[in-house]
Amino acid sequence: MHSHHHSTGHHHHGHSHAPRTSYGRAFAIGIALNLAFVIIEAGYGFWADSMALLSDAGHNLSDVLGLAIAWGAALLARRGPTERFTYGLRSSSILAALFNALLLLVAVGGIVWESVGRLIEPTPVAAGAMMIVAGIGIVVNGFTAFLFLGGQHDLNIRGAFLHMVADAAVSLGVVLGGLAILWTGANWIDPVLSLVIAAVIVWGTWSLLKQSLALSLHGVPRGIAVPEVRKALEAMPGVDHVHHLHVWAVSTTETALTAHLVMPSGHPGDRFLAQAQQDLKAHFGIGHSTLQIEIHRPGSHDHGAECPLDHHDHAHEGHNSGGHHHH
């Protein structure tokens, strides 16, 4: 193995790695409020013999866990890089979004299971108590959702927000159910309603699950088209063509790129690299780009899409111990 002297542009001036706003206070308030509410709701659920309240309390408990996971990830995301985790722990926010989505689906499973059981065998419910407690739930969840309103660009914060909105909807459903039961005396209304709510939650969680799964597999983040990025790079002065182009998410808010640029007329200098990185950030929101400049001898860059350096490596293993002359 001989080493190539690849010129790699690394401009890390003025990169702020911490998220724009830390939602620490929002998380703390949200967790405290919801935990208190879970305790009240579960207590009343037992007292009123209302399965709707109990399953809602279980669902809210899964939310407290989800919020805690999202908070942990948001904190980990701000840890600096180490020798072992050179990107820091920022991608933990992707795992948290994924875990949050899975947790929601598990909670939905519990609700559906319970509701089907109650459809088969309706039980009387203390509808008044059910409405009052669920009413408190709307306020608690609505307020918590409001705290996360500004963070929609961050998948992790968006997960927490969706969670809370889903909960407020669940609580609203329980209130309306209680009202209908008081009105008609039909106890089956309660489980039917919770099945509808379950469907709403699954609908909302599906895109979160899909996006976070894609990011955890180093998929290209939503809203970035790789052909566009390639076109922009090839349009830069002196660039003959582009290969080994990779775009992936470092965290739920940051995107990275690496690419090899073939520039036969010579290395363009640091100013070109700085400009290229600024353009990528301005047009595509890609904050971490690493560009490798390759200068191939005339006629040697017709190897198709493969990197000519890869070919030379094996072809000249014996006679080319001096590496490649890129300058």
C-alpha atoms as a PDB file:
ATOM      1  CA  MET A   1       0.000   0.000   0.000  1.00  0.00           C
ATOM      2  CA  HIS A   2       1.428   3.373  -0.896  1.00  0.00           C
ATOM      3  CA  SER A   3      -0.085   6.598   0.187  1.00  0.00           C
ATOM      4  CA  HIS A   4      -1.495   9.199  -2.166  1.00  0.00           C
ATOM      5  CA  HIS A   5      -1.067  12.800  -1.305  1.00  0.00           C
ATOM      6  CA  HIS A   6      -4.636  13.910  -1.784  1.00  0.00           C
ATOM      7  CA  SER A   7      -5.266  17.539  -1.200  1.00  0.00           C
ATOM      8  CA  THR A   8      -8.315  17.685   0.976  1.00  0.00           C
ATOM      9  CA  GLY A   9     -10.086  20.926   1.690  1.00  0.00           C
ATOM     10  CA  HIS A  10     -11.094  21.230   5.323  1.00  0.00           C
ATOM     11  CA  HIS A  11     -12.565  24.548   6.273  1.00  0.00           C
ATOM     12  CA  HIS A  12     -14.057  24.427   9.682  1.00  0.00           C
ATOM     13  CA  HIS A  13     -14.102  28.070  10.493  1.00  0.00           C
ATOM     14  CA  GLY A  14     -17.232  29.330  12.118  1.00  0.00           C
ATOM     15  CA  HIS A  15     -19.086  26.037  12.154  1.00  0.00           C
ATOM     16  CA  SER A  16     -21.362  26.055  15.142  1.00  0.00           C
ATOM     17  CA  HIS A  17     -22.101  22.470  16.080  1.00  0.00           C
ATOM     18  CA  ALA A  18     -24.629  23.145  18.822  1.00  0.00           C
ATOM     19  CA  PRO A  19     -28.259  23.306  17.723  1.00  0.00           C
ATOM     20  CA  ARG A  20     -29.567  26.860  17.353  1.00  0.00           C
ATOM     21  CA  THR A  21     -31.774  26.595  20.404  1.00  0.00           C
ATOM     22  CA  SER A  22     -31.511  24.140  23.220  1.00  0.00           C
ATOM     23  CA  TYR A  23     -34.904  22.871  24.225  1.00  0.00           C
ATOM     24  CA  GLY A  24     -33.718  21.980  27.742  1.00  0.00           C
ATOM     25  CA  ARG A  25     -36.364  24.036  29.482  1.00  0.00           C
ATOM     26  CA  ALA A  26     -39.126  22.779  27.206  1.00  0.00           C
ATOM     27  CA  PHE A  27     -38.090  19.178  27.913  1.00  0.00           C
ATOM     28  CA  ALA A  28     -37.869  19.701  31.679  1.00  0.00           C
ATOM     29  CA  ILE A  29     -41.293  21.374  31.891  1.00  0.00           C
ATOM     30  CA  GLY A  30     -42.848  18.830  29.525  1.00  0.00           C
ATOM     31  CA  ILE A  31     -41.537  15.837  31.449  1.00  0.00           C
ATOM     32  CA  ALA A  32     -42.561  17.221  34.863  1.00  0.00           C
ATOM     33  CA  LEU A  33     -46.078  18.190  33.720  1.00  0.00           C
ATOM     34  CA  ASN A  34     -46.705  14.919  31.931  1.00  0.00           C
ATOM     35  CA  LEU A  35     -45.388  12.764  34.754  1.00  0.00           C
ATOM     36  CA  ALA A  36     -47.685  14.513  37.247  1.00  0.00           C
ATOM     37  CA  PHE A  37     -50.588  14.081  34.846  1.00  0.00           C
ATOM     38  CA  VAL A  38     -49.885  10.353  34.346  1.00  0.00           C
ATOM     39  CA  ILE A  39     -50.089   9.783  38.115  1.00  0.00           C
ATOM     40  CA  ILE A  40     -53.401  11.683  38.399  1.00  0.00           C
ATOM     41  CA  GLU A  41     -54.860  10.021  35.316  1.00  0.00           C
ATOM     42  CA  ALA A  42     -53.943   6.493  36.343  1.00  0.00           C
ATOM     43  CA  GLY A  43     -55.389   7.076  39.826  1.00  0.00           C
ATOM     44  CA  TYR A  44     -58.686   8.330  38.406  1.00  0.00           C
ATOM     45  CA  GLY A  45     -58.707   5.560  35.819  1.00  0.00           C
ATOM     46  CA  PHE A  46     -58.751   2.943  38.568  1.00  0.00           C
ATOM     47  CA  TRP A  47     -61.313   4.898  40.553  1.00  0.00           C
ATOM     48  CA  ALA A  48     -63.708   5.505  37.642  1.00  0.00           C
ATOM     49  CA  ASP A  49     -63.063   2.043  36.202  1.00  0.00           C
ATOM     50  CA  SER A  50     -62.409   3.771  32.881  1.00  0.00           C
ATOM     51  CA  MET A  51     -60.238   1.777  30.546  1.00  0.00           C
ATOM     52  CA  ALA A  52     -59.959   4.821  28.292  1.00  0.00           C
ATOM     53  CA  LEU A  53     -58.283   6.810  31.067  1.00  0.00           C
ATOM     54  CA  LEU A  54     -55.974   3.933  31.974  1.00  0.00           C
ATOM     55  CA  SER A  55     -54.859   3.325  28.411  1.00  0.00           C
ATOM     56  CA  ASP A  56     -54.428   7.072  27.943  1.00  0.00           C
ATOM     57  CA  ALA A  57     -52.280   7.152  31.088  1.00  0.00           C
ATOM     58  CA  GLY A  58     -50.163   4.337  29.654  1.00  0.00           C
ATOM     59  CA  HIS A  59     -49.862   6.230  26.418  1.00  0.00           C
ATOM     60  CA  ASN A  60     -48.844   9.378  28.273  1.00  0.00           C
ATOM     61  CA  LEU A  61     -46.237   7.422  30.202  1.00  0.00           C
ATOM     62  CA  SER A  62     -44.731   6.242  26.912  1.00  0.00           C
ATOM     63  CA  ASP A  63     -44.576   9.939  26.031  1.00  0.00           C
ATOM     64  CA  VAL A  64     -42.680  10.856  29.137  1.00  0.00           C
ATOM     65  CA  LEU A  65     -40.169   8.172  28.115  1.00  0.00           C
ATOM     66  CA  GLY A  66     -40.135   9.479  24.554  1.00  0.00           C
ATOM     67  CA  LEU A  67     -39.515  13.027  25.783  1.00  0.00           C
ATOM     68  CA  ALA A  68     -36.718  11.822  28.062  1.00  0.00           C
ATOM     69  CA  ILE A  69     -35.069   9.961  25.157  1.00  0.00           C
ATOM     70  CA  ALA A  70     -35.374  12.992  22.882  1.00  0.00           C
ATOM     71  CA  TRP A  71     -33.920  15.243  25.588  1.00  0.00           C
ATOM     72  CA  GLY A  72     -31.026  12.868  26.182  1.00  0.00           C
ATOM     73  CA  ALA A  73     -30.282  12.867  22.459  1.00  0.00           C
ATOM     74  CA  ALA A  74     -30.469  16.668  22.266  1.00  0.00           C
ATOM     75  CA  LEU A  75     -27.931  16.867  25.122  1.00  0.00           C
ATOM     76  CA  LEU A  76     -25.661  14.205  23.597  1.00  0.00           C
ATOM     77  CA  ALA A  77     -25.819  16.070  20.293  1.00  0.00           C
ATOM     78  CA  ARG A  78     -23.990  18.973  21.931  1.00  0.00           C
ATOM     79  CA  ARG A  79     -21.045  16.888  23.172  1.00  0.00           C
ATOM     80  CA  GLY A  80     -17.814  17.713  21.382  1.00  0.00           C
ATOM     81  CA  PRO A  81     -15.950  15.283  19.111  1.00  0.00           C
ATOM     82  CA  THR A  82     -13.505  12.799  20.661  1.00  0.00           C
ATOM     83  CA  GLU A  83     -10.809  10.568  19.172  1.00  0.00           C
ATOM     84  CA  ARG A  84     -13.309   7.708  19.164  1.00  0.00           C
ATOM     85  CA  PHE A  85     -16.447   9.598  18.065  1.00  0.00           C
ATOM     86  CA  THR A  86     -14.996  12.118  15.653  1.00  0.00           C
ATOM     87  CA  TYR A  87     -18.429  13.593  14.923  1.00  0.00           C
ATOM     88  CA  GLY A  88     -19.266  13.761  18.623  1.00  0.00           C
ATOM     89  CA  LEU A  89     -22.518  11.990  19.502  1.00  0.00           C
ATOM     90  CA  ARG A  90     -24.709  14.108  17.255  1.00  0.00           C
ATOM     91  CA  SER A  91     -26.236  11.200  15.379  1.00  0.00           C
ATOM     92  CA  SER A  92     -27.820  10.011  18.640  1.00  0.00           C
ATOM     93  CA  SER A  93     -30.614  12.440  17.684  1.00  0.00           C
ATOM     94  CA  ILE A  94     -31.344  10.219  14.655  1.00  0.00           C
ATOM     95  CA  LEU A  95     -31.537   7.105  16.845  1.00  0.00           C
ATOM     96  CA  ALA A  96     -33.806   8.948  19.283  1.00  0.00           C
ATOM     97  CA  ALA A  97     -36.218   9.932  16.512  1.00  0.00           C
ATOM     98  CA  LEU A  98     -36.272   6.298  15.364  1.00  0.00           C
ATOM     99  CA  PHE A  99     -36.780   5.000  18.896  1.00  0.00           C
ATOM    100  CA  ASN A 100     -39.511   7.555  19.524  1.00  0.00           C
ATOM    101  CA  ALA A 101     -41.420   6.389  16.430  1.00  0.00           C
ATOM    102  CA  LEU A 102     -41.115   2.739  17.465  1.00  0.00           C
ATOM    103  CA  LEU A 103     -42.251   3.549  20.997  1.00  0.00           C
ATOM    104  CA  LEU A 104     -45.340   5.334  19.670  1.00  0.00           C
ATOM    105  CA  LEU A 105     -46.243   2.311  17.559  1.00  0.00           C
ATOM    106  CA  VAL A 106     -45.894   0.030  20.594  1.00  0.00           C
ATOM    107  CA  ALA A 107     -48.187   2.339  22.594  1.00  0.00           C
ATOM    108  CA  VAL A 108     -50.706   2.206  19.733  1.00  0.00           C
ATOM    109  CA  GLY A 109     -50.569  -1.592  19.837  1.00  0.00           C
ATOM    110  CA  GLY A 110     -51.557  -1.498  23.514  1.00  0.00           C
ATOM    111  CA  ILE A 111     -54.448   0.882  22.856  1.00  0.00           C
ATOM    112  CA  VAL A 112     -55.791  -1.221  19.956  1.00  0.00           C
ATOM    113  CA  TRP A 113     -55.547  -4.443  21.982  1.00  0.00           C
ATOM    114  CA  GLU A 114     -57.455  -2.885  24.878  1.00  0.00           C
ATOM    115  CA  SER A 115     -60.102  -1.287  22.654  1.00  0.00           C
ATOM    116  CA  VAL A 116     -60.875  -4.499  20.806  1.00  0.00           C
ATOM    117  CA  GLY A 117     -61.319  -6.273  24.148  1.00  0.00           C
ATOM    118  CA  ARG A 118     -63.770  -3.602  25.247  1.00  0.00           C
ATOM    119  CA  LEU A 119     -65.725  -3.745  22.007  1.00  0.00           C
ATOM    120  CA  ILE A 120     -66.338  -7.418  22.628  1.00  0.00           C
ATOM    121  CA  GLU A 121     -67.341  -6.781  26.211  1.00  0.00           C
ATOM    122  CA  PRO A 122     -68.356  -3.172  26.983  1.00  0.00           C
ATOM    123  CA  THR A 123     -68.045  -2.110  30.628  1.00  0.00           C
ATOM    124  CA  PRO A 124     -69.747   0.825  32.348  1.00  0.00           C
ATOM    125  CA  VAL A 125     -67.662   3.974  32.652  1.00  0.00           C
ATOM    126  CA  ALA A 126     -67.796   6.968  35.016  1.00  0.00           C
ATOM    127  CA  ALA A 127     -68.076   9.341  32.079  1.00  0.00           C
ATOM    128  CA  GLY A 128     -67.991  12.578  34.102  1.00  0.00           C
ATOM    129  CA  ALA A 129     -64.671  11.877  35.788  1.00  0.00           C
ATOM    130  CA  MET A 130     -63.317  10.613  32.477  1.00  0.00           C
ATOM    131  CA  MET A 131     -64.144  13.948  30.800  1.00  0.00           C
ATOM    132  CA  ILE A 132     -62.640  16.133  33.533  1.00  0.00           C
ATOM    133  CA  VAL A 133     -59.334  14.236  33.670  1.00  0.00           C
ATOM    134  CA  ALA A 134     -59.028  14.064  29.884  1.00  0.00           C
ATOM    135  CA  GLY A 135     -59.761  17.802  29.778  1.00  0.00           C
ATOM    136  CA  ILE A 136     -56.730  18.428  31.976  1.00  0.00           C
ATOM    137  CA  GLY A 137     -54.835  16.197  29.519  1.00  0.00           C
ATOM    138  CA  ILE A 138     -55.672  18.474  26.596  1.00  0.00           C
ATOM    139  CA  VAL A 139     -54.244  21.467  28.454  1.00  0.00           C
ATOM    140  CA  VAL A 140     -51.076  19.670  29.592  1.00  0.00           C
ATOM    141  CA  ASN A 141     -50.299  18.127  26.199  1.00  0.00           C
ATOM    142  CA  GLY A 142     -51.294  21.207  24.233  1.00  0.00           C
ATOM    143  CA  PHE A 143     -49.021  23.395  26.327  1.00  0.00           C
ATOM    144  CA  THR A 144     -46.106  20.957  26.018  1.00  0.00           C
ATOM    145  CA  ALA A 145     -46.557  20.751  22.236  1.00  0.00           C
ATOM    146  CA  PHE A 146     -46.514  24.555  22.097  1.00  0.00           C
ATOM    147  CA  LEU A 147     -43.087  24.562  23.810  1.00  0.00           C
ATOM    148  CA  PHE A 148     -41.625  22.574  20.893  1.00  0.00           C
ATOM    149  CA  LEU A 149     -43.421  24.513  18.159  1.00  0.00           C
ATOM    150  CA  GLY A 150     -40.311  26.246  16.832  1.00  0.00           C
ATOM    151  CA  GLY A 151     -38.168  23.150  16.271  1.00  0.00           C
ATOM    152  CA  GLN A 152     -39.843  21.597  13.238  1.00  0.00           C
ATOM    153  CA  HIS A 153     -36.596  21.585  11.184  1.00  0.00           C
ATOM    154  CA  ASP A 154     -35.055  19.115  13.662  1.00  0.00           C
ATOM    155  CA  LEU A 155     -36.447  15.591  13.276  1.00  0.00           C
ATOM    156  CA  ASN A 156     -35.823  14.805  16.947  1.00  0.00           C
ATOM    157  CA  ILE A 157     -37.698  17.888  18.226  1.00  0.00           C
ATOM    158  CA  ARG A 158     -40.383  17.275  15.605  1.00  0.00           C
ATOM    159  CA  GLY A 159     -40.843  13.791  17.061  1.00  0.00           C
ATOM    160  CA  ALA A 160     -41.433  15.266  20.525  1.00  0.00           C
ATOM    161  CA  PHE A 161     -43.855  17.820  19.067  1.00  0.00           C
ATOM    162  CA  LEU A 162     -45.863  15.194  17.130  1.00  0.00           C
ATOM    163  CA  HIS A 163     -45.983  13.063  20.242  1.00  0.00           C
ATOM    164  CA  MET A 164     -47.574  15.856  22.248  1.00  0.00           C
ATOM    165  CA  VAL A 165     -50.035  16.854  19.514  1.00  0.00           C
ATOM    166  CA  ALA A 166     -51.099  13.210  19.198  1.00  0.00           C
ATOM    167  CA  ASP A 167     -51.663  13.178  22.945  1.00  0.00           C
ATOM    168  CA  ALA A 168     -53.766  16.298  22.983  1.00  0.00           C
ATOM    169  CA  ALA A 169     -55.869  14.685  20.237  1.00  0.00           C
ATOM    170  CA  VAL A 170     -56.208  11.506  22.306  1.00  0.00           C
ATOM    171  CA  SER A 171     -57.356  13.497  25.330  1.00  0.00           C
ATOM    172  CA  LEU A 172     -59.835  15.431  23.202  1.00  0.00           C
ATOM    173  CA  GLY A 173     -61.190  12.137  21.893  1.00  0.00           C
ATOM    174  CA  VAL A 174     -61.633  10.871  25.450  1.00  0.00           C
ATOM    175  CA  VAL A 175     -63.547  14.050  26.417  1.00  0.00           C
ATOM    176  CA  LEU A 176     -65.872  13.728  23.417  1.00  0.00           C
ATOM    177  CA  GLY A 177     -66.296  10.026  24.181  1.00  0.00           C
ATOM    178  CA  GLY A 178     -67.295  10.805  27.750  1.00  0.00           C
ATOM    179  CA  LEU A 179     -69.802  13.343  26.491  1.00  0.00           C
ATOM    180  CA  ALA A 180     -71.321  10.864  24.032  1.00  0.00           C
ATOM    181  CA  ILE A 181     -71.542   8.182  26.714  1.00  0.00           C
ATOM    182  CA  LEU A 182     -73.353  10.580  29.066  1.00  0.00           C
ATOM    183  CA  TRP A 183     -75.674  11.492  26.221  1.00  0.00           C
ATOM    184  CA  THR A 184     -76.509   8.035  24.896  1.00  0.00           C
ATOM    185  CA  GLY A 185     -75.433   5.630  27.614  1.00  0.00           C
ATOM    186  CA  ALA A 186     -73.617   3.575  24.941  1.00  0.00           C
ATOM    187  CA  ASN A 187     -70.371   2.254  26.438  1.00  0.00           C
ATOM    188  CA  TRP A 188     -69.003   0.960  23.119  1.00  0.00           C
ATOM    189  CA  ILE A 189     -68.338   4.558  22.031  1.00  0.00           C
ATOM    190  CA  ASP A 190     -65.221   4.642  24.209  1.00  0.00           C
ATOM    191  CA  PRO A 191     -63.299   1.755  22.537  1.00  0.00           C
ATOM    192  CA  VAL A 192     -64.378   2.769  19.013  1.00  0.00           C
ATOM    193  CA  LEU A 193     -63.029   6.236  19.641  1.00  0.00           C
ATOM    194  CA  SER A 194     -59.695   4.963  20.867  1.00  0.00           C
ATOM    195  CA  LEU A 195     -59.352   2.836  17.718  1.00  0.00           C
ATOM    196  CA  VAL A 196     -59.856   5.963  15.597  1.00  0.00           C
ATOM    197  CA  ILE A 197     -57.246   7.791  17.693  1.00  0.00           C
ATOM    198  CA  ALA A 198     -54.836   4.876  17.260  1.00  0.00           C
ATOM    199  CA  ALA A 199     -55.207   5.167  13.484  1.00  0.00           C
ATOM    200  CA  VAL A 200     -54.458   8.903  13.666  1.00  0.00           C
ATOM    201  CA  ILE A 201     -51.292   8.275  15.700  1.00  0.00           C
ATOM    202  CA  VAL A 202     -50.028   5.600  13.274  1.00  0.00           C
ATOM    203  CA  TRP A 203     -50.654   7.946  10.368  1.00  0.00           C
ATOM    204  CA  GLY A 204     -48.563  10.665  12.012  1.00  0.00           C
ATOM    205  CA  THR A 205     -45.780   8.348  13.154  1.00  0.00           C
ATOM    206  CA  TRP A 206     -45.248   6.609   9.841  1.00  0.00           C
ATOM    207  CA  SER A 207     -43.327   9.454   8.170  1.00  0.00           C
ATOM    208  CA  LEU A 208     -41.226   9.978  11.309  1.00  0.00           C
ATOM    209  CA  LEU A 209     -40.353   6.267  11.270  1.00  0.00           C
ATOM    210  CA  LYS A 210     -39.511   6.303   7.560  1.00  0.00           C
ATOM    211  CA  GLN A 211     -37.357   9.438   7.767  1.00  0.00           C
ATOM    212  CA  SER A 212     -35.432   8.434  10.872  1.00  0.00           C
ATOM    213  CA  LEU A 213     -34.832   4.934   9.481  1.00  0.00           C
ATOM    214  CA  ALA A 214     -33.512   6.423   6.228  1.00  0.00           C
ATOM    215  CA  LEU A 215     -31.166   8.776   8.111  1.00  0.00           C
ATOM    216  CA  SER A 216     -29.860   5.985  10.327  1.00  0.00           C
ATOM    217  CA  LEU A 217     -28.946   4.074   7.144  1.00  0.00           C
ATOM    218  CA  HIS A 218     -26.975   7.133   5.920  1.00  0.00           C
ATOM    219  CA  GLY A 219     -29.701   8.018   3.447  1.00  0.00           C
ATOM    220  CA  VAL A 220     -29.719  11.455   1.863  1.00  0.00           C
ATOM    221  CA  PRO A 221     -31.802  13.802   4.076  1.00  0.00           C
ATOM    222  CA  ARG A 222     -35.173  14.907   2.766  1.00  0.00           C
ATOM    223  CA  GLY A 223     -35.072  18.037   0.639  1.00  0.00           C
ATOM    224  CA  ILE A 224     -31.646  17.404  -0.927  1.00  0.00           C
ATOM    225  CA  ALA A 225     -31.462  16.050  -4.494  1.00  0.00           C
ATOM    226  CA  VAL A 226     -28.068  14.482  -5.208  1.00  0.00           C
ATOM    227  CA  PRO A 227     -28.249  15.135  -8.988  1.00  0.00           C
ATOM    228  CA  GLU A 228     -28.671  18.843  -8.199  1.00  0.00           C
ATOM    229  CA  VAL A 229     -25.646  18.770  -5.893  1.00  0.00           C
ATOM    230  CA  ARG A 230     -23.596  16.995  -8.580  1.00  0.00           C
ATOM    231  CA  LYS A 231     -24.679  19.580 -11.158  1.00  0.00           C
ATOM    232  CA  ALA A 232     -23.672  22.447  -8.863  1.00  0.00           C
ATOM    233  CA  LEU A 233     -20.232  20.926  -8.232  1.00  0.00           C
ATOM    234  CA  GLU A 234     -19.636  20.242 -11.954  1.00  0.00           C
ATOM    235  CA  ALA A 235     -20.600  23.835 -12.756  1.00  0.00           C
ATOM    236  CA  MET A 236     -17.765  25.196 -10.608  1.00  0.00           C
ATOM    237  CA  PRO A 237     -14.879  26.736 -12.616  1.00  0.00           C
ATOM    238  CA  GLY A 238     -12.167  24.234 -13.581  1.00  0.00           C
ATOM    239  CA  VAL A 239     -14.108  21.115 -12.546  1.00  0.00           C
ATOM    240  CA  ASP A 240     -13.985  18.495 -15.272  1.00  0.00           C
ATOM    241  CA  HIS A 241     -16.155  15.957 -13.490  1.00  0.00           C
ATOM    242  CA  VAL A 242     -17.212  14.707 -10.060  1.00  0.00           C
ATOM    243  CA  HIS A 243     -17.182  11.217  -8.592  1.00  0.00           C
ATOM    244  CA  HIS A 244     -17.371   9.448  -5.214  1.00  0.00           C
ATOM    245  CA  LEU A 245     -20.087  11.890  -4.182  1.00  0.00           C
ATOM    246  CA  HIS A 246     -21.678  11.058  -0.815  1.00  0.00           C
ATOM    247  CA  VAL A 247     -24.299  13.012   1.093  1.00  0.00           C
ATOM    248  CA  TRP A 248     -25.548  11.899   4.502  1.00  0.00           C
ATOM    249  CA  ALA A 249     -26.931  13.207   7.782  1.00  0.00           C
ATOM    250  CA  VAL A 250     -24.599  13.724  10.734  1.00  0.00           C
ATOM    251  CA  SER A 251     -27.554  14.482  13.002  1.00  0.00           C
ATOM    252  CA  THR A 252     -31.226  15.420  12.638  1.00  0.00           C
ATOM    253  CA  THR A 253     -30.135  18.988  11.788  1.00  0.00           C
ATOM    254  CA  GLU A 254     -26.762  18.677  10.014  1.00  0.00           C
ATOM    255  CA  THR A 255     -25.693  17.280   6.651  1.00  0.00           C
ATOM    256  CA  ALA A 256     -22.248  16.222   5.425  1.00  0.00           C
ATOM    257  CA  LEU A 257     -20.791  15.687   1.966  1.00  0.00           C
ATOM    258  CA  THR A 258     -17.635  14.203   0.506  1.00  0.00           C
ATOM    259  CA  ALA A 259     -16.683  14.308  -3.178  1.00  0.00           C
ATOM    260  CA  HIS A 260     -13.741  13.920  -5.523  1.00  0.00           C
ATOM    261  CA  LEU A 261     -13.376  16.767  -8.038  1.00  0.00           C
ATOM    262  CA  VAL A 262     -11.290  16.139 -11.148  1.00  0.00           C
ATOM    263  CA  MET A 263      -9.547  19.426 -12.097  1.00  0.00           C
ATOM    264  CA  PRO A 264      -7.042  18.810 -14.918  1.00  0.00           C
ATOM    265  CA  SER A 265      -5.818  22.417 -15.000  1.00  0.00           C
ATOM    266  CA  GLY A 266      -4.325  22.146 -11.524  1.00  0.00           C
ATOM    267  CA  HIS A 267      -5.178  22.643  -7.892  1.00  0.00           C
ATOM    268  CA  PRO A 268      -7.453  25.699  -7.608  1.00  0.00           C
ATOM    269  CA  GLY A 269      -6.173  26.841  -4.209  1.00  0.00           C
ATOM    270  CA  ASP A 270      -7.833  27.270  -0.858  1.00  0.00           C
ATOM    271  CA  ARG A 271     -10.075  30.135  -1.880  1.00  0.00           C
ATOM    272  CA  PHE A 272     -11.886  27.880  -4.357  1.00  0.00           C
ATOM    273  CA  LEU A 273     -12.470  25.285  -1.619  1.00  0.00           C
ATOM    274  CA  ALA A 274     -13.802  27.893   0.789  1.00  0.00           C
ATOM    275  CA  GLN A 275     -16.119  29.245  -1.914  1.00  0.00           C
ATOM    276  CA  ALA A 276     -17.332  25.759  -2.852  1.00  0.00           C
ATOM    277  CA  GLN A 277     -18.134  24.993   0.769  1.00  0.00           C
ATOM    278  CA  GLN A 278     -19.996  28.293   1.174  1.00  0.00           C
ATOM    279  CA  ASP A 279     -22.044  27.567  -1.947  1.00  0.00           C
ATOM    280  CA  LEU A 280     -22.949  24.080  -0.743  1.00  0.00           C
ATOM    281  CA  LYS A 281     -24.083  25.501   2.576  1.00  0.00           C
ATOM    282  CA  ALA A 282     -26.058  28.344   1.008  1.00  0.00           C
ATOM    283  CA  HIS A 283     -27.839  26.282  -1.656  1.00  0.00           C
ATOM    284  CA  PHE A 284     -28.272  22.880  -0.027  1.00  0.00           C
ATOM    285  CA  GLY A 285     -27.780  23.461   3.683  1.00  0.00           C
ATOM    286  CA  ILE A 286     -24.759  21.124   3.680  1.00  0.00           C
ATOM    287  CA  GLY A 287     -22.577  22.366   6.523  1.00  0.00           C
ATOM    288  CA  HIS A 288     -19.755  19.802   6.476  1.00  0.00           C
ATOM    289  CA  SER A 289     -18.187  19.295   3.085  1.00  0.00           C
ATOM    290  CA  THR A 290     -14.856  17.660   2.344  1.00  0.00           C
ATOM    291  CA  LEU A 291     -13.612  17.990  -1.220  1.00  0.00           C
ATOM    292  CA  GLN A 292     -10.726  16.038  -2.706  1.00  0.00           C
ATOM    293  CA  ILE A 293      -9.008  17.573  -5.720  1.00  0.00           C
ATOM    294  CA  GLU A 294      -7.534  15.203  -8.321  1.00  0.00           C
ATOM    295  CA  ILE A 295      -5.316  16.285 -11.191  1.00  0.00           C
ATOM    296  CA  HIS A 296      -5.114  13.536 -13.790  1.00  0.00           C
ATOM    297  CA  ARG A 297      -2.593  13.562 -16.585  1.00  0.00           C
ATOM    298  CA  PRO A 298      -4.208  14.498 -19.911  1.00  0.00           C
ATOM    299  CA  GLY A 299      -6.075  11.534 -21.328  1.00  0.00           C
ATOM    300  CA  SER A 300      -6.037   9.581 -18.069  1.00  0.00           C
ATOM    301  CA  HIS A 301      -9.457  10.754 -16.889  1.00  0.00           C
ATOM    302  CA  ASP A 302     -11.470   8.658 -19.331  1.00  0.00           C
ATOM    303  CA  HIS A 303     -12.013   5.733 -16.976  1.00  0.00           C
ATOM    304  CA  GLY A 304     -15.736   6.299 -16.759  1.00  0.00           C
ATOM    305  CA  ALA A 305     -17.292   6.966 -13.416  1.00  0.00           C
ATOM    306  CA  GLU A 306     -14.679   5.056 -11.420  1.00  0.00           C
ATOM    307  CA  CYS A 307     -11.929   6.943  -9.653  1.00  0.00           C
ATOM    308  CA  PRO A 308      -8.770   6.764 -11.804  1.00  0.00           C
ATOM    309  CA  LEU A 309      -6.707   6.710  -8.635  1.00  0.00           C
ATOM    310  CA  ASP A 310      -8.283   3.369  -7.759  1.00  0.00           C
ATOM    311  CA  HIS A 311      -7.168   1.983 -11.129  1.00  0.00           C
ATOM    312  CA  HIS A 312      -3.631   3.329 -10.955  1.00  0.00           C
ATOM    313  CA  ASP A 313      -3.227   1.802  -7.548  1.00  0.00           C
ATOM    314  CA  HIS A 314      -3.484  -1.714  -8.822  1.00  0.00           C
ATOM    315  CA  ALA A 315      -1.988  -1.174 -12.263  1.00  0.00           C
ATOM    316  CA  HIS A 316       1.235   0.365 -11.007  1.00  0.00           C
ATOM    317  CA  GLU A 317       1.608  -1.477  -7.737  1.00  0.00           C
ATOM    318  CA  GLY A 318       5.197  -2.485  -8.523  1.00  0.00           C
ATOM    319  CA  HIS A 319       6.691   0.432 -10.416  1.00  0.00           C
ATOM    320  CA  ASN A 320       5.000   3.453  -8.922  1.00  0.00           C
ATOM    321  CA  SER A 321       6.283   3.587  -5.375  1.00  0.00           C
ATOM    322  CA  GLY A 322       6.379   7.355  -5.390  1.00  0.00           C
ATOM    323  CA  GLY A 323       2.644   7.780  -5.078  1.00  0.00           C
ATOM    324  CA  HIS A 324       0.764  10.091  -7.419  1.00  0.00           C
ATOM    325  CA  HIS A 325       2.022  13.494  -8.345  1.00  0.00           C
ATOM    326  CA  HIS A 326      -0.909  15.786  -7.814  1.00  0.00           C
ATOM    327  CA  HIS A 327       0.802  19.091  -7.818  1.00  0.00           C
END
